[in-house]
């Protein structure tokens, strides 16, 4: 069965070109040009990937993405927009976008990013098969409900924070570089902006280690980060 891609884009020329190119590559494609219609289609269909513009009529892309992630945390979403500020990138990724490309873009790059997202999604789905939860030193993440507890105390995480934590939980004690985390968690090379990893590690620490007698997320100088057996904070 062919992968199915939903395009949510109000610029007809861009959407039409994308639709033709994607169909030529063998994808099943549908297109919505308004935010409300796009969200309805996103929630109704079984999509392999969603291409989402941020500046939409009716319901903007940020609002759409937030509502989508409340009901579907897994479908890969690639944000397409003319906005290129780091704050917009962080906001989109924090709301659960998997990748980000700035207009105008080359279709070959977009196609490669789509393939990378689909590979990452398949790998994650395969890894999740048979797994119910991951536990490390009192920290537990439920893969089905996407909930986290530490010593039975619930911890609220954003979709991106959860994905980063899961990657750390799957590699306990192994130092992971910022570049590797970008590639394997975000699913793309973010043009050297490895400070994003630092930002999200800080978010995780504030929620998981702050106030705890022992810390679990450690900096490995010159390399990156790892989840290590609890040590006194």
N, C-alpha and C. Protein backbone atom coordinates (compact mmCIF):
# COMPACT_ATOMS: atom_id res chain seq x y z
N UNK A 1 0.84 -1.19 0.00
CA UNK A 1 0.00 0.00 0.00
C UNK A 1 0.88 1.25 0.00
N UNK A 2 0.58 2.21 -0.88
CA UNK A 2 1.39 3.41 -1.00
C UNK A 2 1.25 4.29 0.23
N UNK A 3 2.34 4.96 0.58
CA UNK A 3 2.28 5.94 1.65
C UNK A 3 1.34 7.08 1.24
N UNK A 4 0.59 7.60 2.20
CA UNK A 4 -0.38 8.67 1.94
C UNK A 4 0.08 9.95 2.59
N UNK A 5 0.09 11.03 1.81
CA UNK A 5 0.57 12.33 2.30
C UNK A 5 -0.54 13.36 2.18
N UNK A 6 -0.75 14.11 3.25
CA UNK A 6 -1.71 15.20 3.26
C UNK A 6 -0.97 16.52 3.18
N UNK A 7 -1.32 17.35 2.19
CA UNK A 7 -0.76 18.69 2.05
C UNK A 7 -1.77 19.70 2.59
N UNK A 8 -1.35 20.52 3.53
CA UNK A 8 -2.21 21.59 4.05
C UNK A 8 -1.50 22.90 3.71
N UNK A 9 -1.95 23.54 2.62
CA UNK A 9 -1.25 24.68 2.03
C UNK A 9 -2.26 25.54 1.27
N UNK A 10 -2.27 26.85 1.56
CA UNK A 10 -3.26 27.71 0.91
C UNK A 10 -2.78 28.29 -0.41
N UNK A 11 -1.49 28.21 -0.72
CA UNK A 11 -0.99 28.70 -2.00
C UNK A 11 -1.18 27.60 -3.05
N UNK A 12 -2.14 27.81 -3.94
CA UNK A 12 -2.52 26.78 -4.90
C UNK A 12 -1.36 26.35 -5.79
N UNK A 13 -0.55 27.30 -6.21
CA UNK A 13 0.56 26.95 -7.11
C UNK A 13 1.53 25.99 -6.44
N UNK A 14 1.89 26.30 -5.19
CA UNK A 14 2.81 25.42 -4.46
C UNK A 14 2.18 24.06 -4.22
N UNK A 15 0.92 24.06 -3.78
CA UNK A 15 0.24 22.80 -3.48
C UNK A 15 0.12 21.93 -4.72
N UNK A 16 -0.20 22.54 -5.86
CA UNK A 16 -0.38 21.77 -7.09
C UNK A 16 0.93 21.13 -7.54
N UNK A 17 2.03 21.90 -7.45
CA UNK A 17 3.34 21.35 -7.82
C UNK A 17 3.70 20.19 -6.90
N UNK A 18 3.50 20.38 -5.60
CA UNK A 18 3.81 19.31 -4.65
C UNK A 18 2.97 18.07 -4.93
N UNK A 19 1.69 18.28 -5.19
CA UNK A 19 0.80 17.15 -5.47
C UNK A 19 1.27 16.37 -6.69
N UNK A 20 1.62 17.07 -7.76
CA UNK A 20 2.08 16.39 -8.97
C UNK A 20 3.38 15.64 -8.74
N UNK A 21 4.32 16.28 -8.07
CA UNK A 21 5.62 15.64 -7.82
C UNK A 21 5.48 14.42 -6.92
N UNK A 22 4.68 14.55 -5.87
CA UNK A 22 4.51 13.44 -4.93
C UNK A 22 3.78 12.27 -5.58
N UNK A 23 2.77 12.57 -6.38
CA UNK A 23 2.07 11.50 -7.09
C UNK A 23 3.02 10.80 -8.06
N UNK A 24 3.90 11.57 -8.69
CA UNK A 24 4.87 10.99 -9.61
C UNK A 24 5.81 10.02 -8.88
N UNK A 25 6.08 10.30 -7.60
CA UNK A 25 6.93 9.41 -6.80
C UNK A 25 6.17 8.21 -6.25
N UNK A 26 4.86 8.17 -6.48
CA UNK A 26 4.08 7.01 -6.06
C UNK A 26 3.31 7.18 -4.77
N UNK A 27 3.29 8.38 -4.21
CA UNK A 27 2.52 8.61 -2.99
C UNK A 27 1.05 8.86 -3.31
N UNK A 28 0.17 8.48 -2.39
CA UNK A 28 -1.21 8.91 -2.45
C UNK A 28 -1.29 10.29 -1.81
N UNK A 29 -1.96 11.24 -2.45
CA UNK A 29 -1.91 12.63 -2.00
C UNK A 29 -3.32 13.23 -1.93
N UNK A 30 -3.58 14.00 -0.85
CA UNK A 30 -4.77 14.85 -0.76
C UNK A 30 -4.31 16.23 -0.33
N UNK A 31 -5.14 17.23 -0.63
CA UNK A 31 -4.76 18.62 -0.38
C UNK A 31 -5.91 19.38 0.26
N UNK A 32 -5.57 20.15 1.30
CA UNK A 32 -6.52 21.08 1.93
C UNK A 32 -5.88 22.46 1.92
N UNK A 33 -6.68 23.50 1.65
CA UNK A 33 -6.11 24.84 1.57
C UNK A 33 -6.57 25.76 2.70
N UNK A 34 -7.25 25.22 3.70
CA UNK A 34 -7.72 26.01 4.84
C UNK A 34 -7.49 25.21 6.11
N UNK A 35 -7.16 25.94 7.20
CA UNK A 35 -6.76 25.27 8.42
C UNK A 35 -7.80 24.33 9.01
N UNK A 36 -9.06 24.76 9.07
CA UNK A 36 -10.11 23.91 9.62
C UNK A 36 -10.31 22.65 8.81
N UNK A 37 -10.33 22.80 7.49
CA UNK A 37 -10.47 21.64 6.60
C UNK A 37 -9.26 20.72 6.75
N UNK A 38 -8.07 21.32 6.86
CA UNK A 38 -6.86 20.52 7.00
C UNK A 38 -6.86 19.68 8.27
N UNK A 39 -7.30 20.29 9.38
CA UNK A 39 -7.34 19.55 10.65
C UNK A 39 -8.34 18.41 10.57
N UNK A 40 -9.50 18.67 9.97
CA UNK A 40 -10.51 17.62 9.84
C UNK A 40 -9.97 16.43 9.05
N UNK A 41 -9.30 16.71 7.93
CA UNK A 41 -8.73 15.64 7.12
C UNK A 41 -7.61 14.93 7.87
N UNK A 42 -6.79 15.70 8.59
CA UNK A 42 -5.67 15.11 9.33
C UNK A 42 -6.16 14.13 10.38
N UNK A 43 -7.29 14.43 11.01
CA UNK A 43 -7.81 13.57 12.07
C UNK A 43 -8.61 12.39 11.52
N UNK A 44 -9.11 12.52 10.29
CA UNK A 44 -9.93 11.46 9.72
C UNK A 44 -9.10 10.38 9.03
N UNK A 45 -8.00 10.78 8.40
CA UNK A 45 -7.26 9.85 7.57
C UNK A 45 -6.12 9.15 8.29
N UNK A 46 -5.66 8.06 7.67
CA UNK A 46 -4.50 7.33 8.15
C UNK A 46 -3.32 7.77 7.30
N UNK A 47 -2.65 8.85 7.72
CA UNK A 47 -1.63 9.48 6.91
C UNK A 47 -0.23 8.99 7.28
N UNK A 48 0.60 8.84 6.27
CA UNK A 48 2.00 8.50 6.50
C UNK A 48 2.79 9.74 6.88
N UNK A 49 2.33 10.91 6.39
CA UNK A 49 3.05 12.15 6.60
C UNK A 49 2.12 13.32 6.29
N UNK A 50 2.30 14.43 6.99
CA UNK A 50 1.54 15.65 6.72
C UNK A 50 2.51 16.79 6.44
N UNK A 51 2.28 17.51 5.34
CA UNK A 51 3.05 18.71 5.01
C UNK A 51 2.19 19.90 5.39
N UNK A 52 2.66 20.71 6.32
CA UNK A 52 1.82 21.76 6.91
C UNK A 52 2.43 23.15 6.75
N UNK A 53 1.67 24.04 6.12
CA UNK A 53 2.05 25.45 6.06
C UNK A 53 1.61 26.12 7.37
N UNK A 54 2.36 27.12 7.83
CA UNK A 54 2.00 27.78 9.09
C UNK A 54 1.01 28.91 8.90
N UNK A 55 1.10 29.61 7.79
CA UNK A 55 0.25 30.78 7.56
C UNK A 55 -0.97 30.37 6.74
N UNK A 56 -2.00 29.91 7.44
CA UNK A 56 -3.20 29.39 6.80
C UNK A 56 -4.41 30.26 7.14
N UNK A 57 -5.38 30.34 6.25
CA UNK A 57 -6.63 31.03 6.60
C UNK A 57 -7.49 30.15 7.51
N UNK A 58 -8.26 30.78 8.34
CA UNK A 58 -9.18 30.04 9.22
C UNK A 58 -8.56 29.59 10.51
N UNK A 59 -7.54 28.77 10.43
CA UNK A 59 -6.85 28.24 11.61
C UNK A 59 -5.38 28.17 11.24
N UNK A 60 -4.51 28.90 11.97
CA UNK A 60 -3.11 28.91 11.55
C UNK A 60 -2.43 27.59 11.89
N UNK A 61 -1.25 27.41 11.30
CA UNK A 61 -0.55 26.13 11.43
C UNK A 61 -0.18 25.76 12.84
N UNK A 62 0.20 26.75 13.66
CA UNK A 62 0.55 26.45 15.05
C UNK A 62 -0.66 25.90 15.80
N UNK A 63 -1.80 26.54 15.63
CA UNK A 63 -3.02 26.10 16.30
C UNK A 63 -3.43 24.71 15.81
N UNK A 64 -3.34 24.52 14.50
CA UNK A 64 -3.69 23.22 13.91
C UNK A 64 -2.79 22.13 14.48
N UNK A 65 -1.49 22.40 14.51
CA UNK A 65 -0.53 21.40 14.99
C UNK A 65 -0.79 21.04 16.44
N UNK A 66 -1.07 22.03 17.27
CA UNK A 66 -1.34 21.77 18.69
C UNK A 66 -2.56 20.87 18.86
N UNK A 67 -3.62 21.15 18.10
CA UNK A 67 -4.84 20.34 18.21
C UNK A 67 -4.61 18.94 17.65
N UNK A 68 -3.86 18.85 16.56
CA UNK A 68 -3.56 17.54 15.97
C UNK A 68 -2.79 16.67 16.96
N UNK A 69 -1.79 17.25 17.62
CA UNK A 69 -0.96 16.46 18.53
C UNK A 69 -1.72 16.00 19.76
N UNK A 70 -2.77 16.69 20.14
CA UNK A 70 -3.58 16.23 21.27
C UNK A 70 -4.25 14.90 20.96
N UNK A 71 -4.57 14.69 19.69
CA UNK A 71 -5.31 13.48 19.30
C UNK A 71 -4.46 12.47 18.54
N UNK A 72 -3.39 12.93 17.92
CA UNK A 72 -2.53 12.02 17.17
C UNK A 72 -1.07 12.43 17.37
N UNK A 73 -0.39 11.85 18.35
CA UNK A 73 0.99 12.26 18.65
C UNK A 73 2.03 11.65 17.72
N UNK A 74 1.63 10.74 16.85
CA UNK A 74 2.62 9.96 16.11
C UNK A 74 2.79 10.33 14.64
N UNK A 75 1.74 10.79 13.96
CA UNK A 75 1.86 11.02 12.53
C UNK A 75 2.97 12.05 12.26
N UNK A 76 3.92 11.76 11.37
CA UNK A 76 5.00 12.71 11.07
C UNK A 76 4.47 13.98 10.42
N UNK A 77 4.94 15.13 10.90
CA UNK A 77 4.51 16.43 10.36
C UNK A 77 5.74 17.23 9.96
N UNK A 78 5.77 17.68 8.72
CA UNK A 78 6.82 18.56 8.23
C UNK A 78 6.22 19.94 8.00
N UNK A 79 6.75 20.94 8.69
CA UNK A 79 6.24 22.30 8.57
C UNK A 79 6.92 23.02 7.40
N UNK A 80 6.10 23.63 6.54
CA UNK A 80 6.60 24.42 5.41
C UNK A 80 6.15 25.86 5.63
N UNK A 81 7.10 26.80 5.64
CA UNK A 81 6.71 28.18 5.88
C UNK A 81 7.76 29.16 5.42
N UNK A 82 7.34 30.38 5.19
CA UNK A 82 8.27 31.45 4.84
C UNK A 82 8.96 31.99 6.08
N UNK A 83 8.45 31.68 7.25
CA UNK A 83 9.06 32.14 8.49
C UNK A 83 10.36 31.39 8.72
N UNK A 84 11.43 32.12 9.05
CA UNK A 84 12.71 31.44 9.27
C UNK A 84 13.35 31.80 10.60
N UNK A 85 12.61 32.47 11.47
CA UNK A 85 13.15 32.82 12.79
C UNK A 85 13.30 31.56 13.64
N UNK A 86 14.38 31.51 14.42
CA UNK A 86 14.61 30.35 15.28
C UNK A 86 13.46 30.14 16.24
N UNK A 87 12.86 31.24 16.74
CA UNK A 87 11.75 31.12 17.68
C UNK A 87 10.58 30.38 17.06
N UNK A 88 10.30 30.62 15.76
CA UNK A 88 9.22 29.91 15.08
C UNK A 88 9.56 28.44 14.91
N UNK A 89 10.83 28.16 14.60
CA UNK A 89 11.26 26.77 14.46
C UNK A 89 11.08 26.03 15.79
N UNK A 90 11.55 26.67 16.87
CA UNK A 90 11.44 26.04 18.19
C UNK A 90 9.97 25.82 18.55
N UNK A 91 9.14 26.82 18.28
CA UNK A 91 7.72 26.69 18.62
C UNK A 91 7.08 25.54 17.84
N UNK A 92 7.36 25.47 16.53
CA UNK A 92 6.80 24.39 15.73
C UNK A 92 7.27 23.03 16.19
N UNK A 93 8.56 22.90 16.49
CA UNK A 93 9.10 21.63 16.96
C UNK A 93 8.56 21.28 18.35
N UNK A 94 8.41 22.31 19.19
CA UNK A 94 7.91 22.08 20.54
C UNK A 94 6.46 21.60 20.52
N UNK A 95 5.71 22.04 19.51
CA UNK A 95 4.32 21.61 19.38
C UNK A 95 4.22 20.21 18.77
N UNK A 96 5.35 19.68 18.31
CA UNK A 96 5.34 18.31 17.83
C UNK A 96 5.68 18.10 16.38
N UNK A 97 6.11 19.16 15.67
CA UNK A 97 6.54 18.97 14.28
C UNK A 97 7.79 18.10 14.25
N UNK A 98 7.93 17.29 13.22
CA UNK A 98 9.09 16.42 13.09
C UNK A 98 10.22 17.07 12.31
N UNK A 99 9.88 17.99 11.43
CA UNK A 99 10.88 18.63 10.59
C UNK A 99 10.37 20.00 10.17
N UNK A 100 11.27 20.79 9.58
CA UNK A 100 10.96 22.17 9.26
C UNK A 100 11.73 22.55 8.01
N UNK A 101 11.03 23.10 7.00
CA UNK A 101 11.71 23.57 5.80
C UNK A 101 11.19 24.95 5.45
N UNK A 102 12.10 25.84 5.08
CA UNK A 102 11.75 27.23 4.82
C UNK A 102 11.57 27.48 3.33
N UNK A 103 10.49 28.17 2.98
CA UNK A 103 10.24 28.55 1.59
C UNK A 103 11.14 29.72 1.21
N UNK A 104 11.57 29.78 -0.05
CA UNK A 104 11.40 28.78 -1.10
C UNK A 104 12.37 27.62 -0.90
N UNK A 105 11.95 26.42 -1.22
CA UNK A 105 12.80 25.25 -1.03
C UNK A 105 12.89 24.46 -2.33
N UNK A 106 13.91 23.65 -2.41
CA UNK A 106 14.11 22.77 -3.55
C UNK A 106 13.33 21.48 -3.31
N UNK A 107 12.58 21.04 -4.32
CA UNK A 107 11.76 19.85 -4.11
C UNK A 107 12.59 18.63 -3.74
N UNK A 108 13.79 18.51 -4.30
CA UNK A 108 14.62 17.35 -3.99
C UNK A 108 14.96 17.29 -2.51
N UNK A 109 15.18 18.46 -1.90
CA UNK A 109 15.45 18.49 -0.46
C UNK A 109 14.20 18.08 0.31
N UNK A 110 13.05 18.61 -0.09
CA UNK A 110 11.80 18.24 0.58
C UNK A 110 11.55 16.74 0.47
N UNK A 111 11.76 16.19 -0.71
CA UNK A 111 11.55 14.76 -0.93
C UNK A 111 12.45 13.94 -0.02
N UNK A 112 13.71 14.37 0.11
CA UNK A 112 14.65 13.64 0.97
C UNK A 112 14.21 13.70 2.43
N UNK A 113 13.71 14.85 2.86
CA UNK A 113 13.25 15.00 4.25
C UNK A 113 12.02 14.12 4.51
N UNK A 114 11.13 14.04 3.52
CA UNK A 114 9.96 13.17 3.67
C UNK A 114 10.40 11.72 3.82
N UNK A 115 11.32 11.29 2.98
CA UNK A 115 11.81 9.90 3.07
C UNK A 115 12.45 9.65 4.43
N UNK A 116 13.22 10.63 4.93
CA UNK A 116 13.87 10.47 6.25
C UNK A 116 12.83 10.36 7.35
N UNK A 117 11.78 11.17 7.29
CA UNK A 117 10.73 11.11 8.30
C UNK A 117 10.01 9.77 8.27
N UNK A 118 9.73 9.27 7.07
CA UNK A 118 9.03 7.99 6.95
C UNK A 118 9.90 6.85 7.49
N UNK A 119 11.21 6.90 7.21
CA UNK A 119 12.11 5.89 7.75
C UNK A 119 12.12 5.94 9.27
N UNK A 120 12.21 7.14 9.81
CA UNK A 120 12.24 7.30 11.27
C UNK A 120 10.95 6.78 11.90
N UNK A 121 9.82 7.09 11.27
CA UNK A 121 8.53 6.65 11.79
C UNK A 121 8.43 5.13 11.77
N UNK A 122 8.91 4.51 10.69
CA UNK A 122 8.85 3.04 10.61
C UNK A 122 9.76 2.41 11.66
N UNK A 123 10.95 3.00 11.85
CA UNK A 123 11.88 2.47 12.85
C UNK A 123 11.28 2.57 14.25
N UNK A 124 10.64 3.72 14.54
CA UNK A 124 10.02 3.91 15.86
C UNK A 124 8.88 2.93 16.06
N UNK A 125 8.07 2.72 15.01
CA UNK A 125 6.94 1.80 15.12
C UNK A 125 7.44 0.38 15.36
N UNK A 126 8.52 0.03 14.67
CA UNK A 126 9.09 -1.31 14.84
C UNK A 126 9.65 -1.49 16.24
N UNK A 127 10.31 -0.45 16.75
CA UNK A 127 10.88 -0.53 18.09
C UNK A 127 9.80 -0.62 19.16
N UNK A 128 8.65 -0.01 18.89
CA UNK A 128 7.56 -0.01 19.86
C UNK A 128 6.82 -1.33 19.93
N UNK A 129 6.96 -2.15 18.88
CA UNK A 129 6.23 -3.41 18.86
C UNK A 129 6.68 -4.28 20.03
N UNK A 130 5.76 -4.67 20.84
CA UNK A 130 6.07 -5.52 21.98
C UNK A 130 6.51 -4.74 23.20
N UNK A 131 6.85 -3.46 23.03
CA UNK A 131 7.24 -2.63 24.17
C UNK A 131 6.02 -1.91 24.72
N UNK A 132 5.86 -1.96 26.00
CA UNK A 132 4.77 -1.24 26.65
C UNK A 132 5.29 -0.01 27.35
N UNK A 133 6.45 -0.14 28.01
CA UNK A 133 7.02 0.99 28.72
C UNK A 133 8.53 0.81 28.83
N UNK A 134 9.20 1.92 29.13
CA UNK A 134 10.63 1.92 29.38
C UNK A 134 10.85 2.47 30.79
N UNK A 135 11.72 1.80 31.56
CA UNK A 135 11.95 2.21 32.94
C UNK A 135 13.44 2.29 33.22
N UNK A 136 13.84 3.33 33.95
CA UNK A 136 15.24 3.48 34.33
C UNK A 136 15.31 4.22 35.65
N UNK A 137 15.76 3.53 36.69
CA UNK A 137 16.03 4.15 37.99
C UNK A 137 14.87 5.01 38.50
N UNK A 138 13.66 4.44 38.49
CA UNK A 138 12.49 5.14 39.01
C UNK A 138 11.77 6.00 37.99
N UNK A 139 12.36 6.15 36.80
CA UNK A 139 11.75 6.94 35.73
C UNK A 139 11.08 5.99 34.75
N UNK A 140 9.79 6.19 34.49
CA UNK A 140 9.03 5.29 33.61
C UNK A 140 8.29 6.08 32.55
N UNK A 141 8.40 5.61 31.30
CA UNK A 141 7.67 6.21 30.18
C UNK A 141 6.79 5.15 29.56
N UNK A 142 5.50 5.40 29.50
CA UNK A 142 4.54 4.49 28.87
C UNK A 142 4.44 4.86 27.40
N UNK A 143 4.78 3.91 26.52
CA UNK A 143 4.84 4.20 25.09
C UNK A 143 3.46 4.33 24.45
N UNK A 144 2.48 3.69 25.02
CA UNK A 144 1.14 3.76 24.44
C UNK A 144 0.42 5.05 24.81
N UNK A 145 0.43 5.37 26.09
CA UNK A 145 -0.27 6.58 26.53
C UNK A 145 0.62 7.82 26.44
N UNK A 146 1.93 7.60 26.21
CA UNK A 146 2.92 8.68 26.14
C UNK A 146 2.90 9.52 27.43
N UNK A 147 2.87 8.82 28.55
CA UNK A 147 2.92 9.46 29.85
C UNK A 147 4.21 9.09 30.56
N UNK A 148 4.65 9.95 31.47
CA UNK A 148 5.92 9.75 32.17
C UNK A 148 5.71 9.94 33.66
N UNK A 149 6.36 9.11 34.46
CA UNK A 149 6.36 9.27 35.91
C UNK A 149 7.78 9.08 36.43
N UNK A 150 8.06 9.74 37.54
CA UNK A 150 9.31 9.47 38.27
C UNK A 150 8.94 9.21 39.71
N UNK A 151 9.27 8.03 40.17
CA UNK A 151 8.88 7.59 41.52
C UNK A 151 7.38 7.76 41.72
N UNK A 152 6.64 7.37 40.67
CA UNK A 152 5.16 7.39 40.65
C UNK A 152 4.56 8.79 40.61
N UNK A 153 5.38 9.82 40.46
CA UNK A 153 4.87 11.19 40.32
C UNK A 153 4.77 11.54 38.83
N UNK A 154 3.59 11.95 38.35
CA UNK A 154 3.42 12.24 36.93
C UNK A 154 4.23 13.46 36.49
N UNK A 155 4.77 13.39 35.27
CA UNK A 155 5.54 14.48 34.68
C UNK A 155 4.94 14.81 33.32
N UNK A 156 4.56 16.06 33.12
CA UNK A 156 3.97 16.49 31.85
C UNK A 156 5.08 16.89 30.88
N UNK A 157 5.12 16.22 29.72
CA UNK A 157 6.11 16.53 28.69
C UNK A 157 5.43 16.88 27.38
N UNK A 158 6.07 17.74 26.60
CA UNK A 158 5.59 18.01 25.25
C UNK A 158 5.96 16.83 24.36
N UNK A 159 5.37 16.72 23.17
CA UNK A 159 5.71 15.61 22.27
C UNK A 159 7.21 15.51 21.98
N UNK A 160 7.87 16.65 21.76
CA UNK A 160 9.30 16.62 21.46
C UNK A 160 10.11 16.20 22.66
N UNK A 161 9.76 16.69 23.83
CA UNK A 161 10.45 16.30 25.06
C UNK A 161 10.30 14.80 25.30
N UNK A 162 9.09 14.27 25.05
CA UNK A 162 8.86 12.85 25.24
C UNK A 162 9.74 12.03 24.29
N UNK A 163 9.80 12.42 23.02
CA UNK A 163 10.60 11.68 22.04
C UNK A 163 12.08 11.69 22.42
N UNK A 164 12.57 12.83 22.90
CA UNK A 164 13.97 12.92 23.32
C UNK A 164 14.22 12.03 24.52
N UNK A 165 13.31 12.04 25.48
CA UNK A 165 13.47 11.19 26.66
C UNK A 165 13.47 9.71 26.28
N UNK A 166 12.58 9.32 25.37
CA UNK A 166 12.53 7.92 24.95
C UNK A 166 13.86 7.50 24.34
N UNK A 167 14.47 8.39 23.56
CA UNK A 167 15.76 8.05 22.95
C UNK A 167 16.82 7.86 24.02
N UNK A 168 16.82 8.72 25.03
CA UNK A 168 17.77 8.55 26.13
C UNK A 168 17.51 7.25 26.89
N UNK A 169 16.23 6.93 27.11
CA UNK A 169 15.88 5.71 27.83
C UNK A 169 16.28 4.46 27.06
N UNK A 170 16.30 4.55 25.74
CA UNK A 170 16.68 3.39 24.93
C UNK A 170 18.20 3.22 24.83
N UNK A 171 18.94 4.22 25.32
CA UNK A 171 20.41 4.14 25.28
C UNK A 171 20.99 4.51 26.65
N UNK A 172 20.56 3.85 27.73
CA UNK A 172 21.04 4.22 29.06
C UNK A 172 22.55 4.04 29.19
N UNK A 173 23.19 5.05 29.78
CA UNK A 173 24.62 4.96 30.01
C UNK A 173 25.48 5.25 28.80
N UNK A 174 24.87 5.48 27.64
CA UNK A 174 25.62 5.72 26.41
C UNK A 174 25.64 7.21 26.11
N UNK A 175 26.80 7.83 26.04
CA UNK A 175 26.86 9.25 25.69
C UNK A 175 26.40 9.46 24.25
N UNK A 176 25.45 10.37 24.06
CA UNK A 176 24.90 10.64 22.73
C UNK A 176 25.25 12.08 22.34
N UNK A 177 25.84 12.24 21.18
CA UNK A 177 26.23 13.58 20.74
C UNK A 177 25.01 14.39 20.33
N UNK A 178 25.17 15.70 20.33
CA UNK A 178 24.08 16.57 19.90
C UNK A 178 23.70 16.27 18.45
N UNK A 179 24.71 16.04 17.60
CA UNK A 179 24.44 15.75 16.20
C UNK A 179 23.64 14.47 16.04
N UNK A 180 23.98 13.45 16.83
CA UNK A 180 23.25 12.19 16.75
C UNK A 180 21.81 12.35 17.24
N UNK A 181 21.64 13.11 18.32
CA UNK A 181 20.29 13.33 18.82
C UNK A 181 19.44 14.09 17.81
N UNK A 182 20.01 15.09 17.15
CA UNK A 182 19.28 15.81 16.10
C UNK A 182 18.84 14.85 15.01
N UNK A 183 19.79 14.02 14.57
CA UNK A 183 19.51 13.11 13.46
C UNK A 183 18.49 12.04 13.83
N UNK A 184 18.62 11.47 15.02
CA UNK A 184 17.81 10.30 15.37
C UNK A 184 16.50 10.65 16.07
N UNK A 185 16.44 11.81 16.72
CA UNK A 185 15.21 12.21 17.40
C UNK A 185 14.38 13.13 16.51
N UNK A 186 15.04 14.14 15.95
CA UNK A 186 14.32 15.07 15.07
C UNK A 186 14.17 14.48 13.66
N UNK A 187 15.06 13.57 13.29
CA UNK A 187 14.96 12.92 12.00
C UNK A 187 15.51 13.73 10.85
N UNK A 188 16.34 14.71 11.12
CA UNK A 188 16.93 15.50 10.06
C UNK A 188 18.15 16.26 10.57
N UNK A 189 18.95 16.74 9.63
CA UNK A 189 20.11 17.55 9.98
C UNK A 189 19.67 19.00 10.03
N UNK A 190 19.67 19.60 11.23
CA UNK A 190 19.13 20.94 11.40
C UNK A 190 20.19 22.01 11.19
N UNK A 191 20.93 21.89 10.09
CA UNK A 191 21.88 22.92 9.66
C UNK A 191 22.79 23.40 10.78
N UNK A 192 23.24 22.48 11.62
CA UNK A 192 24.21 22.84 12.65
C UNK A 192 23.65 23.51 13.88
N UNK A 193 22.34 23.68 13.97
CA UNK A 193 21.75 24.36 15.12
C UNK A 193 21.58 23.40 16.29
N UNK A 194 22.72 22.85 16.74
CA UNK A 194 22.69 21.86 17.81
C UNK A 194 22.26 22.46 19.14
N UNK A 195 22.18 23.80 19.23
CA UNK A 195 21.71 24.41 20.47
C UNK A 195 20.27 24.02 20.77
N UNK A 196 19.53 23.55 19.76
CA UNK A 196 18.18 23.06 20.01
C UNK A 196 18.20 21.89 20.98
N UNK A 197 19.18 21.01 20.84
CA UNK A 197 19.30 19.87 21.74
C UNK A 197 19.54 20.37 23.16
N UNK A 198 20.41 21.37 23.31
CA UNK A 198 20.67 21.93 24.63
C UNK A 198 19.40 22.50 25.25
N UNK A 199 18.60 23.17 24.42
CA UNK A 199 17.34 23.76 24.89
C UNK A 199 16.42 22.68 25.44
N UNK A 200 16.26 21.59 24.69
CA UNK A 200 15.32 20.55 25.10
C UNK A 200 15.86 19.70 26.25
N UNK A 201 17.17 19.53 26.31
CA UNK A 201 17.74 18.86 27.47
C UNK A 201 17.48 19.69 28.73
N UNK A 202 17.59 21.01 28.61
CA UNK A 202 17.30 21.87 29.75
C UNK A 202 15.84 21.73 30.17
N UNK A 203 14.92 21.67 29.18
CA UNK A 203 13.51 21.47 29.50
C UNK A 203 13.32 20.17 30.27
N UNK A 204 13.95 19.10 29.79
CA UNK A 204 13.81 17.80 30.45
C UNK A 204 14.34 17.84 31.87
N UNK A 205 15.49 18.46 32.03
CA UNK A 205 16.08 18.53 33.37
C UNK A 205 15.17 19.29 34.34
N UNK A 206 14.57 20.36 33.86
CA UNK A 206 13.68 21.15 34.72
C UNK A 206 12.48 20.33 35.17
N UNK A 207 12.05 19.40 34.34
CA UNK A 207 10.86 18.62 34.67
C UNK A 207 11.18 17.30 35.37
N UNK A 208 12.34 16.73 35.07
CA UNK A 208 12.67 15.40 35.59
C UNK A 208 13.61 15.46 36.79
N UNK A 209 14.64 16.32 36.70
CA UNK A 209 15.67 16.34 37.75
C UNK A 209 15.50 17.46 38.76
N UNK A 210 14.83 18.55 38.38
CA UNK A 210 14.71 19.70 39.28
C UNK A 210 13.96 19.31 40.55
N UNK A 211 14.55 19.58 41.68
CA UNK A 211 13.93 19.26 42.96
C UNK A 211 14.18 17.85 43.44
N UNK A 212 14.73 17.01 42.55
CA UNK A 212 15.01 15.62 42.94
C UNK A 212 16.34 15.55 43.69
N UNK A 213 16.45 14.63 44.60
CA UNK A 213 17.69 14.48 45.36
C UNK A 213 18.81 13.96 44.47
N UNK A 214 18.43 13.21 43.43
CA UNK A 214 19.43 12.66 42.52
C UNK A 214 19.06 13.01 41.09
N UNK A 215 20.05 13.22 40.26
CA UNK A 215 19.81 13.57 38.87
C UNK A 215 20.11 12.38 37.96
N UNK A 216 19.39 12.32 36.84
CA UNK A 216 19.54 11.23 35.90
C UNK A 216 20.13 11.67 34.56
N UNK A 217 19.89 12.91 34.15
CA UNK A 217 20.36 13.38 32.84
C UNK A 217 21.69 14.10 33.03
N UNK A 218 22.73 13.57 32.40
CA UNK A 218 24.08 14.07 32.62
C UNK A 218 24.71 14.60 31.34
N UNK A 219 25.53 15.63 31.51
CA UNK A 219 26.33 16.16 30.40
C UNK A 219 27.65 15.40 30.35
N UNK A 220 28.01 14.94 29.16
CA UNK A 220 29.31 14.29 28.95
C UNK A 220 30.16 15.30 28.20
N UNK A 221 31.10 15.89 28.88
CA UNK A 221 31.88 16.99 28.31
C UNK A 221 32.56 16.58 27.01
N UNK A 222 32.38 17.43 26.01
CA UNK A 222 33.01 17.18 24.71
C UNK A 222 32.24 16.22 23.83
N UNK A 223 31.13 15.63 24.36
CA UNK A 223 30.36 14.67 23.56
C UNK A 223 28.91 15.09 23.46
N UNK A 224 28.19 15.05 24.58
CA UNK A 224 26.77 15.37 24.54
C UNK A 224 26.10 15.06 25.86
N UNK A 225 25.13 14.14 25.82
CA UNK A 225 24.34 13.85 27.01
C UNK A 225 24.08 12.35 27.13
N UNK A 226 23.78 11.93 28.35
CA UNK A 226 23.38 10.54 28.56
C UNK A 226 22.51 10.42 29.80
N UNK A 227 21.76 9.31 29.84
CA UNK A 227 20.97 8.95 31.01
C UNK A 227 21.83 7.97 31.81
N UNK A 228 22.12 8.34 33.06
CA UNK A 228 23.04 7.54 33.84
C UNK A 228 22.44 7.30 35.21
N UNK A 229 22.87 6.23 35.86
CA UNK A 229 22.39 5.89 37.18
C UNK A 229 22.40 7.08 38.10
N UNK A 230 21.37 7.17 38.91
CA UNK A 230 21.20 8.35 39.76
C UNK A 230 22.42 8.66 40.60
N UNK A 231 22.79 9.94 40.59
CA UNK A 231 23.87 10.43 41.43
C UNK A 231 23.36 11.61 42.24
N UNK A 232 24.02 11.89 43.32
CA UNK A 232 23.59 13.01 44.14
C UNK A 232 23.67 14.31 43.32
N UNK A 233 22.60 15.11 43.36
CA UNK A 233 22.59 16.37 42.61
C UNK A 233 23.44 17.41 43.31
